[in-house]
């Protein structure tokens, strides 16, 4: 998996976090649409799933 989205939803018992793992960033809208209604989303954080060393912007530009 290349990406992790953590979506915080509002419930009657308070906020909950749900993690979604996926390969292509283009999958995120479908995940949001399939999940609980988007009006219950407090926030969504998307980060890459890293298996190696992080790159600087400059090092990535040289790839």
N, C-alpha and C. Protein backbone atom coordinates (compact mmCIF):
# COMPACT_ATOMS: atom_id res chain seq x y z
N UNK A 1 0.83 -1.18 0.00
CA UNK A 1 0.00 0.00 0.00
C UNK A 1 0.88 1.25 0.00
N UNK A 2 0.49 2.22 -0.78
CA UNK A 2 1.29 3.44 -0.92
C UNK A 2 0.80 4.60 -0.06
N UNK A 3 -0.49 4.58 0.31
CA UNK A 3 -1.08 5.71 1.02
C UNK A 3 -1.92 5.24 2.20
N UNK A 4 -1.99 6.10 3.22
CA UNK A 4 -2.90 5.88 4.35
C UNK A 4 -3.71 7.15 4.54
N UNK A 5 -5.02 7.00 4.55
CA UNK A 5 -5.90 8.12 4.88
C UNK A 5 -6.51 7.82 6.24
N UNK A 6 -6.38 8.74 7.16
CA UNK A 6 -7.05 8.63 8.45
C UNK A 6 -8.18 9.64 8.42
N UNK A 7 -9.40 9.13 8.48
CA UNK A 7 -10.57 10.00 8.46
C UNK A 7 -11.19 10.00 9.84
N UNK A 8 -11.35 11.18 10.39
CA UNK A 8 -11.99 11.34 11.69
C UNK A 8 -13.46 11.65 11.45
N UNK A 9 -14.32 10.78 12.00
CA UNK A 9 -15.77 10.92 11.85
C UNK A 9 -16.38 11.33 13.18
N UNK A 10 -17.46 12.09 13.11
CA UNK A 10 -18.21 12.46 14.29
C UNK A 10 -19.29 11.41 14.52
N UNK A 11 -19.34 10.85 15.72
CA UNK A 11 -20.39 9.90 16.09
C UNK A 11 -21.11 10.46 17.32
N UNK A 12 -22.23 9.84 17.67
CA UNK A 12 -22.97 10.30 18.85
C UNK A 12 -22.17 10.07 20.13
N UNK A 13 -21.16 9.18 20.07
CA UNK A 13 -20.30 8.92 21.23
C UNK A 13 -18.98 9.68 21.16
N UNK A 14 -18.85 10.58 20.20
CA UNK A 14 -17.62 11.35 20.03
C UNK A 14 -16.89 10.95 18.76
N UNK A 15 -15.77 11.61 18.50
CA UNK A 15 -15.01 11.35 17.28
C UNK A 15 -14.37 9.97 17.28
N UNK A 16 -14.28 9.37 16.08
CA UNK A 16 -13.52 8.13 15.88
C UNK A 16 -12.63 8.31 14.67
N UNK A 17 -11.49 7.64 14.69
CA UNK A 17 -10.56 7.64 13.56
C UNK A 17 -10.65 6.30 12.85
N UNK A 18 -10.70 6.35 11.53
CA UNK A 18 -10.71 5.12 10.72
C UNK A 18 -9.59 5.25 9.70
N UNK A 19 -8.72 4.24 9.65
CA UNK A 19 -7.62 4.21 8.69
C UNK A 19 -8.01 3.44 7.44
N UNK A 20 -7.65 3.98 6.29
CA UNK A 20 -7.86 3.34 5.00
C UNK A 20 -6.50 3.29 4.30
N UNK A 21 -6.16 2.13 3.75
CA UNK A 21 -4.91 1.97 3.03
C UNK A 21 -5.23 1.69 1.56
N UNK A 22 -4.48 2.34 0.66
CA UNK A 22 -4.75 2.19 -0.76
C UNK A 22 -3.49 2.49 -1.56
N UNK A 23 -3.51 2.09 -2.83
CA UNK A 23 -2.33 2.21 -3.68
C UNK A 23 -2.27 3.50 -4.47
N UNK A 24 -3.39 3.94 -4.98
CA UNK A 24 -3.42 5.09 -5.88
C UNK A 24 -4.21 6.22 -5.24
N UNK A 25 -3.65 7.42 -5.20
CA UNK A 25 -4.30 8.56 -4.57
C UNK A 25 -5.66 8.84 -5.21
N UNK A 26 -5.84 8.42 -6.46
CA UNK A 26 -7.13 8.60 -7.13
C UNK A 26 -8.25 7.78 -6.51
N UNK A 27 -7.91 6.84 -5.62
CA UNK A 27 -8.91 6.01 -4.95
C UNK A 27 -9.57 6.75 -3.78
N UNK A 28 -8.97 7.83 -3.32
CA UNK A 28 -9.48 8.53 -2.14
C UNK A 28 -10.93 9.01 -2.28
N UNK A 29 -11.33 9.62 -3.40
CA UNK A 29 -12.73 10.04 -3.50
C UNK A 29 -13.72 8.88 -3.36
N UNK A 30 -13.37 7.72 -3.91
CA UNK A 30 -14.25 6.55 -3.79
C UNK A 30 -14.34 6.08 -2.34
N UNK A 31 -13.24 6.14 -1.62
CA UNK A 31 -13.24 5.76 -0.21
C UNK A 31 -14.17 6.68 0.57
N UNK A 32 -14.06 7.97 0.31
CA UNK A 32 -14.91 8.95 1.01
C UNK A 32 -16.38 8.69 0.67
N UNK A 33 -16.68 8.43 -0.59
CA UNK A 33 -18.07 8.20 -1.01
C UNK A 33 -18.64 6.91 -0.43
N UNK A 34 -17.81 5.88 -0.26
CA UNK A 34 -18.28 4.60 0.29
C UNK A 34 -18.48 4.64 1.79
N UNK A 35 -17.73 5.51 2.45
CA UNK A 35 -17.74 5.53 3.91
C UNK A 35 -19.00 6.14 4.47
N UNK A 36 -19.01 6.42 5.76
CA UNK A 36 -20.13 7.16 6.33
C UNK A 36 -20.31 8.49 5.58
N UNK A 37 -21.47 9.05 5.67
CA UNK A 37 -21.78 10.28 4.94
C UNK A 37 -20.68 11.31 5.16
N UNK A 38 -20.32 12.00 4.08
CA UNK A 38 -19.19 12.94 4.17
C UNK A 38 -19.46 14.12 5.09
N UNK A 39 -20.71 14.40 5.41
CA UNK A 39 -21.00 15.47 6.38
C UNK A 39 -20.63 15.08 7.80
N UNK A 40 -20.31 13.79 8.02
CA UNK A 40 -19.87 13.36 9.34
C UNK A 40 -18.35 13.41 9.49
N UNK A 41 -17.64 13.81 8.42
CA UNK A 41 -16.18 13.90 8.48
C UNK A 41 -15.76 15.17 9.20
N UNK A 42 -14.89 15.00 10.18
CA UNK A 42 -14.29 16.13 10.88
C UNK A 42 -13.04 16.56 10.14
N UNK A 43 -12.18 15.58 9.82
CA UNK A 43 -10.97 15.88 9.05
C UNK A 43 -10.46 14.60 8.41
N UNK A 44 -9.63 14.79 7.41
CA UNK A 44 -9.00 13.68 6.70
C UNK A 44 -7.52 14.01 6.53
N UNK A 45 -6.68 13.08 6.95
CA UNK A 45 -5.23 13.25 6.81
C UNK A 45 -4.71 12.14 5.91
N UNK A 46 -3.97 12.51 4.88
CA UNK A 46 -3.42 11.53 3.93
C UNK A 46 -1.91 11.62 3.98
N UNK A 47 -1.27 10.47 4.19
CA UNK A 47 0.20 10.42 4.24
C UNK A 47 0.68 9.22 3.43
N UNK A 48 1.88 9.32 2.88
CA UNK A 48 2.44 8.16 2.19
C UNK A 48 2.85 7.10 3.20
N UNK A 49 2.73 5.85 2.81
CA UNK A 49 3.22 4.74 3.63
C UNK A 49 4.67 4.55 3.23
N UNK A 50 5.56 4.86 4.14
CA UNK A 50 7.00 4.85 3.82
C UNK A 50 7.63 3.52 4.22
N UNK A 51 8.37 2.91 3.29
CA UNK A 51 9.10 1.69 3.61
C UNK A 51 10.60 1.93 3.56
N UNK A 52 11.02 3.04 2.98
CA UNK A 52 12.44 3.36 2.88
C UNK A 52 12.72 4.73 3.46
N UNK A 53 13.86 5.25 3.11
CA UNK A 53 14.26 6.57 3.61
C UNK A 53 13.43 7.66 2.94
N UNK A 54 13.16 8.71 3.67
CA UNK A 54 12.46 9.87 3.10
C UNK A 54 13.41 10.66 2.22
N UNK A 55 12.84 11.32 1.22
CA UNK A 55 13.62 12.15 0.32
C UNK A 55 13.33 13.62 0.57
N UNK A 56 14.32 14.45 0.31
CA UNK A 56 14.06 15.89 0.27
C UNK A 56 13.44 16.22 -1.08
N UNK A 57 12.85 17.38 -1.20
CA UNK A 57 12.30 17.81 -2.49
C UNK A 57 13.38 17.82 -3.55
N UNK A 58 14.56 18.29 -3.17
CA UNK A 58 15.68 18.40 -4.12
C UNK A 58 16.14 17.01 -4.59
N UNK A 59 16.22 16.06 -3.66
CA UNK A 59 16.65 14.70 -4.03
C UNK A 59 15.60 14.04 -4.92
N UNK A 60 14.33 14.27 -4.64
CA UNK A 60 13.26 13.69 -5.46
C UNK A 60 13.28 14.25 -6.87
N UNK A 61 13.64 15.53 -7.01
CA UNK A 61 13.69 16.17 -8.34
C UNK A 61 14.78 15.56 -9.21
N UNK A 62 15.78 14.97 -8.58
CA UNK A 62 16.88 14.36 -9.32
C UNK A 62 16.58 12.94 -9.77
N UNK A 63 15.49 12.37 -9.32
CA UNK A 63 15.16 10.98 -9.70
C UNK A 63 14.74 10.89 -11.15
